[in-house]
């Protein structure tokens, strides 16, 4: 399918889904948007295995002491919005990092977002759209099971799936960057099932736009 045809299909399907959103809850809305994304983006590590999102020119910037205050408020908003979701929120200098483990995000060997992940991404989108003077690096990771090259592609495909969802919920693509690290950055022991689950994760780095 050509890029032009994909765009037309995305717009058409999006219109149908969004028209019916008025009587849906957040999880149902997320599932509807996810269906559109799945129809366009492809499955597994097929059409979605390249780095397709790169930061572009974005309006708005923060300077001086305003940066810390702005990020303090955004951090608190993430903590409130994602409370009890299983997402870990870390503050690292002026940046915020969200770590989302594999029990929330994707099925094994898949880049298709699972149902429970929609509510999490809906919360992330809500905060990002409220705090527009930040950009987002979406970073996919895998465990060490299987072929290293395949895991690299899978990690990028997962990051792209998250970016696709966020862009479909009005987060500007100029604010998004996707990266895949495959199995190269484990945070737990790959010799245990629980460790591998922790390594199959997506990390979101929220970075202030500085002027």
C-alpha atoms as a PDB file:
ATOM      1  CA  UNK A   1       0.000   0.000   0.000  1.00  0.00           C
ATOM      2  CA  UNK A   2       1.401   3.422  -0.973  1.00  0.00           C
ATOM      3  CA  UNK A   3       1.949   6.179   1.583  1.00  0.00           C
ATOM      4  CA  UNK A   4      -0.809   8.277  -0.045  1.00  0.00           C
ATOM      5  CA  UNK A   5      -3.318   5.430   0.101  1.00  0.00           C
ATOM      6  CA  UNK A   6      -2.416   4.707   3.724  1.00  0.00           C
ATOM      7  CA  UNK A   7      -3.046   8.357   4.573  1.00  0.00           C
ATOM      8  CA  UNK A   8      -6.476   8.323   2.901  1.00  0.00           C
ATOM      9  CA  UNK A   9      -7.375   5.063   4.657  1.00  0.00           C
ATOM     10  CA  UNK A  10      -6.232   6.441   8.015  1.00  0.00           C
ATOM     11  CA  UNK A  11      -8.333   9.604   7.612  1.00  0.00           C
ATOM     12  CA  UNK A  12     -11.394   7.658   6.511  1.00  0.00           C
ATOM     13  CA  UNK A  13     -11.213   5.105   9.298  1.00  0.00           C
ATOM     14  CA  UNK A  14     -10.376   7.763  11.887  1.00  0.00           C
ATOM     15  CA  UNK A  15     -13.483   9.723  10.925  1.00  0.00           C
ATOM     16  CA  UNK A  16     -15.660   6.650  11.379  1.00  0.00           C
ATOM     17  CA  UNK A  17     -14.155   5.796  14.760  1.00  0.00           C
ATOM     18  CA  UNK A  18     -14.153   9.317  16.160  1.00  0.00           C
ATOM     19  CA  UNK A  19     -17.754   9.890  15.057  1.00  0.00           C
ATOM     20  CA  UNK A  20     -18.785   7.049  17.353  1.00  0.00           C
ATOM     21  CA  UNK A  21     -16.659   8.104  20.329  1.00  0.00           C
ATOM     22  CA  UNK A  22     -19.233  10.301  22.032  1.00  0.00           C
ATOM     23  CA  UNK A  23     -20.829   7.395  23.901  1.00  0.00           C
ATOM     24  CA  UNK A  24     -17.609   5.476  24.648  1.00  0.00           C
ATOM     25  CA  UNK A  25     -15.452   5.364  27.754  1.00  0.00           C
ATOM     26  CA  UNK A  26     -11.686   5.967  27.542  1.00  0.00           C
ATOM     27  CA  UNK A  27     -10.805   2.281  27.119  1.00  0.00           C
ATOM     28  CA  UNK A  28     -13.329   1.863  24.309  1.00  0.00           C
ATOM     29  CA  UNK A  29     -12.076   5.008  22.592  1.00  0.00           C
ATOM     30  CA  UNK A  30      -8.534   3.708  22.830  1.00  0.00           C
ATOM     31  CA  UNK A  31      -9.523   0.373  21.352  1.00  0.00           C
ATOM     32  CA  UNK A  32     -11.225   2.161  18.450  1.00  0.00           C
ATOM     33  CA  UNK A  33      -8.185   4.295  17.721  1.00  0.00           C
ATOM     34  CA  UNK A  34      -6.000   1.224  18.067  1.00  0.00           C
ATOM     35  CA  UNK A  35      -8.070  -0.562  15.442  1.00  0.00           C
ATOM     36  CA  UNK A  36      -7.402   2.265  12.997  1.00  0.00           C
ATOM     37  CA  UNK A  37      -3.691   2.176  13.770  1.00  0.00           C
ATOM     38  CA  UNK A  38      -3.556  -1.585  13.310  1.00  0.00           C
ATOM     39  CA  UNK A  39      -5.261  -1.320   9.931  1.00  0.00           C
ATOM     40  CA  UNK A  40      -2.686   1.158   8.670  1.00  0.00           C
ATOM     41  CA  UNK A  41       0.570   0.351  10.415  1.00  0.00           C
ATOM     42  CA  UNK A  42       0.844  -3.401   9.846  1.00  0.00           C
ATOM     43  CA  UNK A  43       1.619  -6.127  12.387  1.00  0.00           C
ATOM     44  CA  UNK A  44       4.681  -7.659  14.011  1.00  0.00           C
ATOM     45  CA  UNK A  45       7.879  -6.379  12.483  1.00  0.00           C
ATOM     46  CA  UNK A  46       6.565  -5.787   8.973  1.00  0.00           C
ATOM     47  CA  UNK A  47       5.693  -2.267   7.810  1.00  0.00           C
ATOM     48  CA  UNK A  48       6.419  -0.871  11.258  1.00  0.00           C
ATOM     49  CA  UNK A  49      10.076  -1.917  11.674  1.00  0.00           C
ATOM     50  CA  UNK A  50      11.813   1.296  10.572  1.00  0.00           C
ATOM     51  CA  UNK A  51      12.499   4.425  12.584  1.00  0.00           C
ATOM     52  CA  UNK A  52       9.721   6.605  11.196  1.00  0.00           C
ATOM     53  CA  UNK A  53       9.453   9.346  13.794  1.00  0.00           C
ATOM     54  CA  UNK A  54      12.130  12.035  14.126  1.00  0.00           C
ATOM     55  CA  UNK A  55      11.752  15.280  16.045  1.00  0.00           C
ATOM     56  CA  UNK A  56      10.734  18.191  13.851  1.00  0.00           C
ATOM     57  CA  UNK A  57      10.436  21.926  14.359  1.00  0.00           C
ATOM     58  CA  UNK A  58       8.063  22.623  17.219  1.00  0.00           C
ATOM     59  CA  UNK A  59       6.619  25.843  18.571  1.00  0.00           C
ATOM     60  CA  UNK A  60       7.227  26.955  22.123  1.00  0.00           C
ATOM     61  CA  UNK A  61      10.294  26.786  24.346  1.00  0.00           C
ATOM     62  CA  UNK A  62      11.233  27.139  27.992  1.00  0.00           C
ATOM     63  CA  UNK A  63      14.077  29.161  29.455  1.00  0.00           C
ATOM     64  CA  UNK A  64      15.877  29.497  32.772  1.00  0.00           C
ATOM     65  CA  UNK A  65      14.012  28.751  35.978  1.00  0.00           C
ATOM     66  CA  UNK A  66      10.768  28.213  34.075  1.00  0.00           C
ATOM     67  CA  UNK A  67      12.038  24.814  32.933  1.00  0.00           C
ATOM     68  CA  UNK A  68      12.207  23.274  36.398  1.00  0.00           C
ATOM     69  CA  UNK A  69       8.816  24.604  37.455  1.00  0.00           C
ATOM     70  CA  UNK A  70       7.154  23.449  34.239  1.00  0.00           C
ATOM     71  CA  UNK A  71       8.611  19.952  34.533  1.00  0.00           C
ATOM     72  CA  UNK A  72       7.679  19.768  38.242  1.00  0.00           C
ATOM     73  CA  UNK A  73       4.041  20.359  37.311  1.00  0.00           C
ATOM     74  CA  UNK A  74       4.165  17.898  34.445  1.00  0.00           C
ATOM     75  CA  UNK A  75       5.768  15.235  36.645  1.00  0.00           C
ATOM     76  CA  UNK A  76       2.989  15.637  39.201  1.00  0.00           C
ATOM     77  CA  UNK A  77       0.389  15.409  36.447  1.00  0.00           C
ATOM     78  CA  UNK A  78       1.900  12.123  35.223  1.00  0.00           C
ATOM     79  CA  UNK A  79       2.008  10.714  38.755  1.00  0.00           C
ATOM     80  CA  UNK A  80      -1.660  11.548  39.318  1.00  0.00           C
ATOM     81  CA  UNK A  81      -2.844  10.403  35.900  1.00  0.00           C
ATOM     82  CA  UNK A  82      -0.877   7.124  35.972  1.00  0.00           C
ATOM     83  CA  UNK A  83      -1.377   6.242  39.648  1.00  0.00           C
ATOM     84  CA  UNK A  84      -1.955   2.483  40.138  1.00  0.00           C
ATOM     85  CA  UNK A  85      -1.289   1.812  36.437  1.00  0.00           C
ATOM     86  CA  UNK A  86       1.999  -0.016  36.987  1.00  0.00           C
ATOM     87  CA  UNK A  87       3.947   2.706  35.166  1.00  0.00           C
ATOM     88  CA  UNK A  88       7.097   3.865  36.963  1.00  0.00           C
ATOM     89  CA  UNK A  89       7.665   7.642  36.877  1.00  0.00           C
ATOM     90  CA  UNK A  90      11.249   8.855  37.350  1.00  0.00           C
ATOM     91  CA  UNK A  91      12.624  12.396  37.477  1.00  0.00           C
ATOM     92  CA  UNK A  92      16.119  12.714  35.990  1.00  0.00           C
ATOM     93  CA  UNK A  93      17.308  16.320  36.122  1.00  0.00           C
ATOM     94  CA  UNK A  94      14.922  18.315  33.948  1.00  0.00           C
ATOM     95  CA  UNK A  95      13.706  15.177  32.172  1.00  0.00           C
ATOM     96  CA  UNK A  96      10.932  12.760  33.122  1.00  0.00           C
ATOM     97  CA  UNK A  97      11.138   9.049  32.331  1.00  0.00           C
ATOM     98  CA  UNK A  98       8.169   6.690  32.219  1.00  0.00           C
ATOM     99  CA  UNK A  99       9.065   2.985  32.326  1.00  0.00           C
ATOM    100  CA  UNK A 100       6.312   0.623  31.169  1.00  0.00           C
ATOM    101  CA  UNK A 101       6.971  -3.118  31.541  1.00  0.00           C
ATOM    102  CA  UNK A 102       5.881  -5.907  29.218  1.00  0.00           C
ATOM    103  CA  UNK A 103       2.947  -7.050  31.377  1.00  0.00           C
ATOM    104  CA  UNK A 104       1.181  -3.810  30.384  1.00  0.00           C
ATOM    105  CA  UNK A 105       2.271  -3.146  26.821  1.00  0.00           C
ATOM    106  CA  UNK A 106       2.516  -5.922  24.206  1.00  0.00           C
ATOM    107  CA  UNK A 107       2.002  -9.659  23.860  1.00  0.00           C
ATOM    108  CA  UNK A 108       5.126 -11.775  23.404  1.00  0.00           C
ATOM    109  CA  UNK A 109       6.621 -11.438  19.934  1.00  0.00           C
ATOM    110  CA  UNK A 110       4.131  -8.725  18.925  1.00  0.00           C
ATOM    111  CA  UNK A 111       4.095  -4.978  18.307  1.00  0.00           C
ATOM    112  CA  UNK A 112       0.310  -4.758  18.578  1.00  0.00           C
ATOM    113  CA  UNK A 113      -0.831  -2.776  21.621  1.00  0.00           C
ATOM    114  CA  UNK A 114      -2.789  -4.886  24.127  1.00  0.00           C
ATOM    115  CA  UNK A 115      -6.145  -3.693  25.480  1.00  0.00           C
ATOM    116  CA  UNK A 116      -4.889  -2.732  28.942  1.00  0.00           C
ATOM    117  CA  UNK A 117      -2.255  -0.451  27.406  1.00  0.00           C
ATOM    118  CA  UNK A 118      -4.842   1.911  25.897  1.00  0.00           C
ATOM    119  CA  UNK A 119      -5.818   3.418  29.241  1.00  0.00           C
ATOM    120  CA  UNK A 120      -2.144   4.048  30.070  1.00  0.00           C
ATOM    121  CA  UNK A 121      -1.438   5.682  26.715  1.00  0.00           C
ATOM    122  CA  UNK A 122      -4.635   7.697  27.034  1.00  0.00           C
ATOM    123  CA  UNK A 123      -3.312   9.122  30.304  1.00  0.00           C
ATOM    124  CA  UNK A 124       0.076   9.850  28.752  1.00  0.00           C
ATOM    125  CA  UNK A 125      -1.593  11.599  25.812  1.00  0.00           C
ATOM    126  CA  UNK A 126      -3.774  13.693  28.129  1.00  0.00           C
ATOM    127  CA  UNK A 127      -0.750  15.039  30.029  1.00  0.00           C
ATOM    128  CA  UNK A 128       1.340  15.578  26.886  1.00  0.00           C
ATOM    129  CA  UNK A 129      -1.445  17.609  25.301  1.00  0.00           C
ATOM    130  CA  UNK A 130      -1.730  19.710  28.436  1.00  0.00           C
ATOM    131  CA  UNK A 131       2.035  20.337  28.584  1.00  0.00           C
ATOM    132  CA  UNK A 132       2.964  21.044  24.976  1.00  0.00           C
ATOM    133  CA  UNK A 133       6.437  22.516  25.588  1.00  0.00           C
ATOM    134  CA  UNK A 134       8.037  19.096  25.816  1.00  0.00           C
ATOM    135  CA  UNK A 135       9.146  16.495  23.296  1.00  0.00           C
ATOM    136  CA  UNK A 136       9.007  12.731  23.665  1.00  0.00           C
ATOM    137  CA  UNK A 137      11.555  10.008  22.915  1.00  0.00           C
ATOM    138  CA  UNK A 138       9.778   6.634  22.682  1.00  0.00           C
ATOM    139  CA  UNK A 139      12.266   3.818  23.253  1.00  0.00           C
ATOM    140  CA  UNK A 140      11.499   0.137  22.679  1.00  0.00           C
ATOM    141  CA  UNK A 141      13.344  -2.709  24.429  1.00  0.00           C
ATOM    142  CA  UNK A 142      13.176  -6.517  24.346  1.00  0.00           C
ATOM    143  CA  UNK A 143      14.541  -9.464  26.315  1.00  0.00           C
ATOM    144  CA  UNK A 144      17.309 -11.632  24.849  1.00  0.00           C
ATOM    145  CA  UNK A 145      15.109 -14.455  23.611  1.00  0.00           C
ATOM    146  CA  UNK A 146      15.388 -15.125  19.894  1.00  0.00           C
ATOM    147  CA  UNK A 147      17.486 -13.557  17.157  1.00  0.00           C
ATOM    148  CA  UNK A 148      19.240 -10.292  18.028  1.00  0.00           C
ATOM    149  CA  UNK A 149      18.444  -8.671  14.670  1.00  0.00           C
ATOM    150  CA  UNK A 150      14.784  -9.633  14.960  1.00  0.00           C
ATOM    151  CA  UNK A 151      14.626  -8.220  18.497  1.00  0.00           C
ATOM    152  CA  UNK A 152      16.066  -4.952  17.229  1.00  0.00           C
ATOM    153  CA  UNK A 153      13.314  -4.669  14.612  1.00  0.00           C
ATOM    154  CA  UNK A 154      10.665  -5.662  17.147  1.00  0.00           C
ATOM    155  CA  UNK A 155      11.788  -2.971  19.581  1.00  0.00           C
ATOM    156  CA  UNK A 156      11.503  -0.297  16.884  1.00  0.00           C
ATOM    157  CA  UNK A 157       8.102  -1.615  15.798  1.00  0.00           C
ATOM    158  CA  UNK A 158       6.839  -1.365  19.381  1.00  0.00           C
ATOM    159  CA  UNK A 159       8.086   2.198  19.729  1.00  0.00           C
ATOM    160  CA  UNK A 160       6.391   3.083  16.443  1.00  0.00           C
ATOM    161  CA  UNK A 161       3.105   1.557  17.611  1.00  0.00           C
ATOM    162  CA  UNK A 162       3.150   3.814  20.669  1.00  0.00           C
ATOM    163  CA  UNK A 163       3.956   6.844  18.507  1.00  0.00           C
ATOM    164  CA  UNK A 164       1.142   5.939  16.106  1.00  0.00           C
ATOM    165  CA  UNK A 165      -1.329   5.847  18.980  1.00  0.00           C
ATOM    166  CA  UNK A 166      -0.158   9.138  20.487  1.00  0.00           C
ATOM    167  CA  UNK A 167      -0.249  10.922  17.135  1.00  0.00           C
ATOM    168  CA  UNK A 168      -3.803   9.616  16.625  1.00  0.00           C
ATOM    169  CA  UNK A 169      -4.755  11.255  19.944  1.00  0.00           C
ATOM    170  CA  UNK A 170      -3.582  14.698  18.828  1.00  0.00           C
ATOM    171  CA  UNK A 171       0.034  14.644  20.090  1.00  0.00           C
ATOM    172  CA  UNK A 172       2.023  16.479  17.392  1.00  0.00           C
ATOM    173  CA  UNK A 173       4.357  14.202  15.427  1.00  0.00           C
ATOM    174  CA  UNK A 174       6.971  16.981  15.572  1.00  0.00           C
ATOM    175  CA  UNK A 175       7.287  16.213  19.273  1.00  0.00           C
ATOM    176  CA  UNK A 176       7.875  12.467  18.775  1.00  0.00           C
ATOM    177  CA  UNK A 177      11.012  10.432  18.207  1.00  0.00           C
ATOM    178  CA  UNK A 178      11.124   6.616  18.100  1.00  0.00           C
ATOM    179  CA  UNK A 179      14.155   4.476  18.879  1.00  0.00           C
ATOM    180  CA  UNK A 180      14.683   0.737  19.243  1.00  0.00           C
ATOM    181  CA  UNK A 181      17.385  -0.729  21.465  1.00  0.00           C
ATOM    182  CA  UNK A 182      16.518  -4.404  21.062  1.00  0.00           C
ATOM    183  CA  UNK A 183      18.048  -6.498  23.830  1.00  0.00           C
ATOM    184  CA  UNK A 184      21.048  -4.181  24.398  1.00  0.00           C
ATOM    185  CA  UNK A 185      19.854  -2.400  27.578  1.00  0.00           C
ATOM    186  CA  UNK A 186      18.420  -4.930  30.051  1.00  0.00           C
ATOM    187  CA  UNK A 187      17.286  -3.694  33.461  1.00  0.00           C
ATOM    188  CA  UNK A 188      16.841  -7.169  34.948  1.00  0.00           C
ATOM    189  CA  UNK A 189      18.178 -10.729  34.684  1.00  0.00           C
ATOM    190  CA  UNK A 190      17.239 -12.351  31.370  1.00  0.00           C
ATOM    191  CA  UNK A 191      17.722 -15.789  32.964  1.00  0.00           C
ATOM    192  CA  UNK A 192      14.393 -15.508  34.818  1.00  0.00           C
ATOM    193  CA  UNK A 193      10.844 -15.118  33.490  1.00  0.00           C
ATOM    194  CA  UNK A 194      10.174 -12.090  35.700  1.00  0.00           C
ATOM    195  CA  UNK A 195      13.432 -10.482  34.580  1.00  0.00           C
ATOM    196  CA  UNK A 196      12.618 -10.988  30.909  1.00  0.00           C
ATOM    197  CA  UNK A 197       9.199  -9.432  31.424  1.00  0.00           C
ATOM    198  CA  UNK A 198      10.826  -6.327  32.911  1.00  0.00           C
ATOM    199  CA  UNK A 199      13.223  -6.123  29.963  1.00  0.00           C
ATOM    200  CA  UNK A 200      10.343  -6.269  27.448  1.00  0.00           C
ATOM    201  CA  UNK A 201       9.434  -2.649  28.025  1.00  0.00           C
ATOM    202  CA  UNK A 202       8.819   0.746  26.502  1.00  0.00           C
ATOM    203  CA  UNK A 203      10.426   3.811  28.057  1.00  0.00           C
ATOM    204  CA  UNK A 204       9.161   7.325  27.396  1.00  0.00           C
ATOM    205  CA  UNK A 205      11.613  10.171  27.885  1.00  0.00           C
ATOM    206  CA  UNK A 206       9.863  13.543  28.299  1.00  0.00           C
ATOM    207  CA  UNK A 207      12.310  16.342  27.524  1.00  0.00           C
ATOM    208  CA  UNK A 208      11.688  20.112  27.817  1.00  0.00           C
ATOM    209  CA  UNK A 209      11.993  22.254  24.704  1.00  0.00           C
ATOM    210  CA  UNK A 210      14.648  24.762  25.679  1.00  0.00           C
ATOM    211  CA  UNK A 211      15.078  28.137  24.030  1.00  0.00           C
END
